Amino acid sequence: MANRDKLVRFLLARGAGDAAEDLAHDVWLKVAGRADGPIGNPLAYLYRAADTLMIDRYRARRQAEARDQAWSDRHAQEQPAADRSVAARQEAGEVAALLTTLGSRREAVFRRVRIDGAAQREVAAELGVSLSTVESDLRIASRALADLKERLR
């Protein structure tokens, strides 16, 4: 925690942008969960862990973009069948209804973080709740959506 500001500045300099706070939090979780002995050079370890985490996120984002591009290229020429279009609209309606049943705060948290791409800290500040409340709301919404997905399959 003593090096948090240095770590956030390092992440900003490496191009993390708005995700710098979230990345610093992820690094802290990773370091806090270590069970082995003391670290010889803690600041260097934090920088390396943050750098590795940024590389992992960059690769994951690049792979997701490539996957999305491949999918859109494959399906760009296809016209969806009428029944698939109706089924997709019905599923979207069920998802919207499910989010509404979770309560307005959880729905707002899920939409801001997962759909709008806002940082969790930003959403917590907007709604006047703690970061752990935002994380808890996301967990509950994600679990409910996973259950809905299983029921729909």
C-alpha atoms as a PDB file:
ATOM      1  CA  MET A   1       0.000   0.000   0.000  1.00  0.00           C
ATOM      2  CA  ALA A   2       2.926   2.323   0.616  1.00  0.00           C
ATOM      3  CA  ASN A   3       3.867   2.066  -3.071  1.00  0.00           C
ATOM      4  CA  ARG A   4       0.332   2.282  -4.458  1.00  0.00           C
ATOM      5  CA  ASP A   5       0.740   5.768  -5.955  1.00  0.00           C
ATOM      6  CA  LYS A   6       4.034   4.784  -7.616  1.00  0.00           C
ATOM      7  CA  LEU A   7       2.378   1.673  -9.018  1.00  0.00           C
ATOM      8  CA  VAL A   8      -0.597   3.615 -10.401  1.00  0.00           C
ATOM      9  CA  ARG A   9       1.756   6.162 -12.017  1.00  0.00           C
ATOM     10  CA  PHE A  10       3.777   3.285 -13.512  1.00  0.00           C
ATOM     11  CA  LEU A  11       0.601   1.743 -14.939  1.00  0.00           C
ATOM     12  CA  LEU A  12      -0.551   5.082 -16.338  1.00  0.00           C
ATOM     13  CA  ALA A  13       2.840   5.579 -17.986  1.00  0.00           C
ATOM     14  CA  ARG A  14       2.559   2.086 -19.518  1.00  0.00           C
ATOM     15  CA  GLY A  15      -0.782   3.014 -21.111  1.00  0.00           C
ATOM     16  CA  ALA A  16      -3.281   1.528 -18.656  1.00  0.00           C
ATOM     17  CA  GLY A  17      -5.444   4.658 -18.791  1.00  0.00           C
ATOM     18  CA  ASP A  18      -8.668   4.372 -16.807  1.00  0.00           C
ATOM     19  CA  ALA A  19      -7.868   0.765 -15.888  1.00  0.00           C
ATOM     20  CA  ALA A  20      -4.782   1.756 -13.833  1.00  0.00           C
ATOM     21  CA  GLU A  21      -6.694   1.742 -10.537  1.00  0.00           C
ATOM     22  CA  ASP A  22      -8.259  -1.650 -11.279  1.00  0.00           C
ATOM     23  CA  LEU A  23      -4.897  -3.078 -12.316  1.00  0.00           C
ATOM     24  CA  ALA A  24      -3.248  -1.778  -9.142  1.00  0.00           C
ATOM     25  CA  HIS A  25      -6.035  -3.431  -7.146  1.00  0.00           C
ATOM     26  CA  ASP A  26      -5.507  -6.720  -9.028  1.00  0.00           C
ATOM     27  CA  VAL A  27      -1.758  -6.566  -8.306  1.00  0.00           C
ATOM     28  CA  TRP A  28      -2.490  -5.965  -4.627  1.00  0.00           C
ATOM     29  CA  LEU A  29      -4.810  -9.004  -4.558  1.00  0.00           C
ATOM     30  CA  LYS A  30      -2.132 -11.111  -6.207  1.00  0.00           C
ATOM     31  CA  VAL A  31       0.586  -9.984  -3.785  1.00  0.00           C
ATOM     32  CA  ALA A  32      -1.675 -10.221  -0.726  1.00  0.00           C
ATOM     33  CA  GLY A  33      -2.471 -13.839  -1.597  1.00  0.00           C
ATOM     34  CA  ARG A  34       1.164 -14.940  -1.598  1.00  0.00           C
ATOM     35  CA  ALA A  35       1.973 -17.569   0.993  1.00  0.00           C
ATOM     36  CA  ASP A  36       5.755 -17.833   0.507  1.00  0.00           C
ATOM     37  CA  GLY A  37       8.458 -15.829   2.223  1.00  0.00           C
ATOM     38  CA  PRO A  38       9.380 -12.154   2.096  1.00  0.00           C
ATOM     39  CA  ILE A  39      10.254 -10.425  -1.161  1.00  0.00           C
ATOM     40  CA  GLY A  40      13.786  -9.076  -1.508  1.00  0.00           C
ATOM     41  CA  ASN A  41      12.907  -6.009  -3.589  1.00  0.00           C
ATOM     42  CA  PRO A  42       9.175  -5.326  -3.121  1.00  0.00           C
ATOM     43  CA  LEU A  43       8.934  -2.343  -5.471  1.00  0.00           C
ATOM     44  CA  ALA A  44      10.613  -4.204  -8.333  1.00  0.00           C
ATOM     45  CA  TYR A  45       8.330  -7.161  -7.661  1.00  0.00           C
ATOM     46  CA  LEU A  46       5.249  -4.898  -7.827  1.00  0.00           C
ATOM     47  CA  TYR A  47       6.394  -3.334 -11.097  1.00  0.00           C
ATOM     48  CA  ARG A  48       7.053  -6.752 -12.621  1.00  0.00           C
ATOM     49  CA  ALA A  49       3.696  -8.106 -11.431  1.00  0.00           C
ATOM     50  CA  ALA A  50       1.914  -5.031 -12.833  1.00  0.00           C
ATOM     51  CA  ASP A  51       3.772  -5.315 -16.134  1.00  0.00           C
ATOM     52  CA  THR A  52       2.883  -9.001 -16.429  1.00  0.00           C
ATOM     53  CA  LEU A  53      -0.752  -8.263 -15.625  1.00  0.00           C
ATOM     54  CA  MET A  54      -0.889  -5.549 -18.291  1.00  0.00           C
ATOM     55  CA  ILE A  55       0.641  -7.913 -20.854  1.00  0.00           C
ATOM     56  CA  ASP A  56      -1.927 -10.583 -19.954  1.00  0.00           C
ATOM     57  CA  ARG A  57      -4.807  -8.110 -20.320  1.00  0.00           C
ATOM     58  CA  TYR A  58      -3.425  -6.828 -23.617  1.00  0.00           C
ATOM     59  CA  ARG A  59      -3.151 -10.363 -24.998  1.00  0.00           C
ATOM     60  CA  ALA A  60      -6.638 -11.277 -23.814  1.00  0.00           C
ATOM     61  CA  ARG A  61      -8.095  -8.122 -25.370  1.00  0.00           C
ATOM     62  CA  ARG A  62      -6.230  -8.744 -28.631  1.00  0.00           C
ATOM     63  CA  GLN A  63      -7.431 -12.352 -28.756  1.00  0.00           C
ATOM     64  CA  ALA A  64     -11.013 -11.273 -28.039  1.00  0.00           C
ATOM     65  CA  GLU A  65     -10.854  -8.659 -30.794  1.00  0.00           C
ATOM     66  CA  ALA A  66      -9.467 -11.224 -33.250  1.00  0.00           C
ATOM     67  CA  ARG A  67     -12.176 -13.708 -32.262  1.00  0.00           C
ATOM     68  CA  ASP A  68     -14.888 -11.046 -32.638  1.00  0.00           C
ATOM     69  CA  GLN A  69     -13.503  -9.968 -35.995  1.00  0.00           C
ATOM     70  CA  ALA A  70     -13.351 -13.560 -37.257  1.00  0.00           C
ATOM     71  CA  TRP A  71     -16.918 -14.139 -36.111  1.00  0.00           C
ATOM     72  CA  SER A  72     -18.215 -10.960 -37.718  1.00  0.00           C
ATOM     73  CA  ASP A  73     -16.362 -11.729 -40.973  1.00  0.00           C
ATOM     74  CA  ARG A  74     -17.888 -15.205 -41.061  1.00  0.00           C
ATOM     75  CA  HIS A  75     -21.401 -14.022 -40.309  1.00  0.00           C
ATOM     76  CA  ALA A  76     -21.440 -10.659 -42.080  1.00  0.00           C
ATOM     77  CA  GLN A  77     -23.087 -12.085 -45.168  1.00  0.00           C
ATOM     78  CA  GLU A  78     -25.593 -14.264 -43.321  1.00  0.00           C
ATOM     79  CA  GLN A  79     -29.089 -13.012 -42.724  1.00  0.00           C
ATOM     80  CA  PRO A  80     -30.426 -14.360 -39.432  1.00  0.00           C
ATOM     81  CA  ALA A  81     -33.371 -16.674 -39.753  1.00  0.00           C
ATOM     82  CA  ALA A  82     -36.639 -15.213 -38.515  1.00  0.00           C
ATOM     83  CA  ASP A  83     -36.938 -17.737 -35.694  1.00  0.00           C
ATOM     84  CA  ARG A  84     -33.386 -17.018 -34.509  1.00  0.00           C
ATOM     85  CA  SER A  85     -34.132 -13.309 -34.517  1.00  0.00           C
ATOM     86  CA  VAL A  86     -37.305 -13.802 -32.483  1.00  0.00           C
ATOM     87  CA  ALA A  87     -35.511 -16.127 -30.047  1.00  0.00           C
ATOM     88  CA  ALA A  88     -32.689 -13.603 -29.601  1.00  0.00           C
ATOM     89  CA  ARG A  89     -35.186 -10.831 -28.838  1.00  0.00           C
ATOM     90  CA  GLN A  90     -36.940 -13.063 -26.323  1.00  0.00           C
ATOM     91  CA  GLU A  91     -33.637 -13.921 -24.631  1.00  0.00           C
ATOM     92  CA  ALA A  92     -32.703 -10.250 -24.470  1.00  0.00           C
ATOM     93  CA  GLY A  93     -36.077  -9.519 -22.881  1.00  0.00           C
ATOM     94  CA  GLU A  94     -35.529 -12.258 -20.297  1.00  0.00           C
ATOM     95  CA  VAL A  95     -32.074 -10.872 -19.469  1.00  0.00           C
ATOM     96  CA  ALA A  96     -33.491  -7.359 -19.070  1.00  0.00           C
ATOM     97  CA  ALA A  97     -36.301  -8.705 -16.853  1.00  0.00           C
ATOM     98  CA  LEU A  98     -33.821 -10.652 -14.741  1.00  0.00           C
ATOM     99  CA  LEU A  99     -31.631  -7.588 -14.240  1.00  0.00           C
ATOM    100  CA  THR A 100     -34.699  -5.626 -13.147  1.00  0.00           C
ATOM    101  CA  THR A 101     -35.566  -8.259 -10.523  1.00  0.00           C
ATOM    102  CA  LEU A 102     -32.101  -7.897  -8.967  1.00  0.00           C
ATOM    103  CA  GLY A 103     -32.860  -4.340  -7.874  1.00  0.00           C
ATOM    104  CA  SER A 104     -32.046  -0.979  -9.339  1.00  0.00           C
ATOM    105  CA  ARG A 105     -28.564  -0.673  -7.779  1.00  0.00           C
ATOM    106  CA  ARG A 106     -27.380  -4.099  -8.944  1.00  0.00           C
ATOM    107  CA  GLU A 107     -28.836  -3.490 -12.386  1.00  0.00           C
ATOM    108  CA  ALA A 108     -27.105  -0.102 -12.568  1.00  0.00           C
ATOM    109  CA  VAL A 109     -23.793  -1.577 -11.378  1.00  0.00           C
ATOM    110  CA  PHE A 110     -23.960  -4.400 -13.916  1.00  0.00           C
ATOM    111  CA  ARG A 111     -24.880  -2.105 -16.800  1.00  0.00           C
ATOM    112  CA  ARG A 112     -22.207   0.516 -15.970  1.00  0.00           C
ATOM    113  CA  VAL A 113     -19.367  -1.974 -15.460  1.00  0.00           C
ATOM    114  CA  ARG A 114     -20.143  -4.790 -17.908  1.00  0.00           C
ATOM    115  CA  ILE A 115     -21.960  -2.928 -20.664  1.00  0.00           C
ATOM    116  CA  ASP A 116     -20.620   0.638 -20.501  1.00  0.00           C
ATOM    117  CA  GLY A 117     -17.117  -0.496 -19.469  1.00  0.00           C
ATOM    118  CA  ALA A 118     -16.841   1.891 -16.510  1.00  0.00           C
ATOM    119  CA  ALA A 119     -14.242   1.180 -13.825  1.00  0.00           C
ATOM    120  CA  GLN A 120     -15.581  -0.349 -10.625  1.00  0.00           C
ATOM    121  CA  ARG A 121     -14.185   2.487  -8.518  1.00  0.00           C
ATOM    122  CA  GLU A 122     -15.918   5.027 -10.739  1.00  0.00           C
ATOM    123  CA  VAL A 123     -19.252   3.226 -10.385  1.00  0.00           C
ATOM    124  CA  ALA A 124     -18.797   2.978  -6.614  1.00  0.00           C
ATOM    125  CA  ALA A 125     -18.220   6.738  -6.438  1.00  0.00           C
ATOM    126  CA  GLU A 126     -21.207   7.468  -8.691  1.00  0.00           C
ATOM    127  CA  LEU A 127     -23.558   5.364  -6.592  1.00  0.00           C
ATOM    128  CA  GLY A 128     -22.055   6.334  -3.243  1.00  0.00           C
ATOM    129  CA  VAL A 129     -21.237   2.756  -2.224  1.00  0.00           C
ATOM    130  CA  SER A 130     -18.028   0.916  -1.404  1.00  0.00           C
ATOM    131  CA  LEU A 131     -15.920  -0.919  -3.958  1.00  0.00           C
ATOM    132  CA  SER A 132     -16.694  -4.224  -2.226  1.00  0.00           C
ATOM    133  CA  THR A 133     -20.435  -3.514  -2.640  1.00  0.00           C
ATOM    134  CA  VAL A 134     -19.912  -3.016  -6.377  1.00  0.00           C
ATOM    135  CA  GLU A 135     -17.912  -6.263  -6.564  1.00  0.00           C
ATOM    136  CA  SER A 136     -20.615  -8.104  -4.613  1.00  0.00           C
ATOM    137  CA  ASP A 137     -23.369  -6.727  -6.854  1.00  0.00           C
ATOM    138  CA  LEU A 138     -21.438  -7.832  -9.945  1.00  0.00           C
ATOM    139  CA  ARG A 139     -20.983 -11.319  -8.501  1.00  0.00           C
ATOM    140  CA  ILE A 140     -24.702 -11.641  -7.751  1.00  0.00           C
ATOM    141  CA  ALA A 141     -25.721 -10.362 -11.192  1.00  0.00           C
ATOM    142  CA  SER A 142     -23.227 -12.614 -12.965  1.00  0.00           C
ATOM    143  CA  ARG A 143     -24.393 -15.655 -11.001  1.00  0.00           C
ATOM    144  CA  ALA A 144     -28.048 -14.868 -11.805  1.00  0.00           C
ATOM    145  CA  LEU A 145     -27.236 -14.462 -15.513  1.00  0.00           C
ATOM    146  CA  ALA A 146     -25.282 -17.741 -15.527  1.00  0.00           C
ATOM    147  CA  ASP A 147     -28.283 -19.497 -13.962  1.00  0.00           C
ATOM    148  CA  LEU A 148     -30.561 -17.950 -16.611  1.00  0.00           C
ATOM    149  CA  LYS A 149     -28.218 -19.112 -19.348  1.00  0.00           C
ATOM    150  CA  GLU A 150     -28.353 -22.675 -18.015  1.00  0.00           C
ATOM    151  CA  ARG A 151     -32.171 -22.573 -17.915  1.00  0.00           C
ATOM    152  CA  LEU A 152     -32.327 -21.282 -21.483  1.00  0.00           C
ATOM    153  CA  ARG A 153     -30.086 -24.015 -22.835  1.00  0.00           C
END
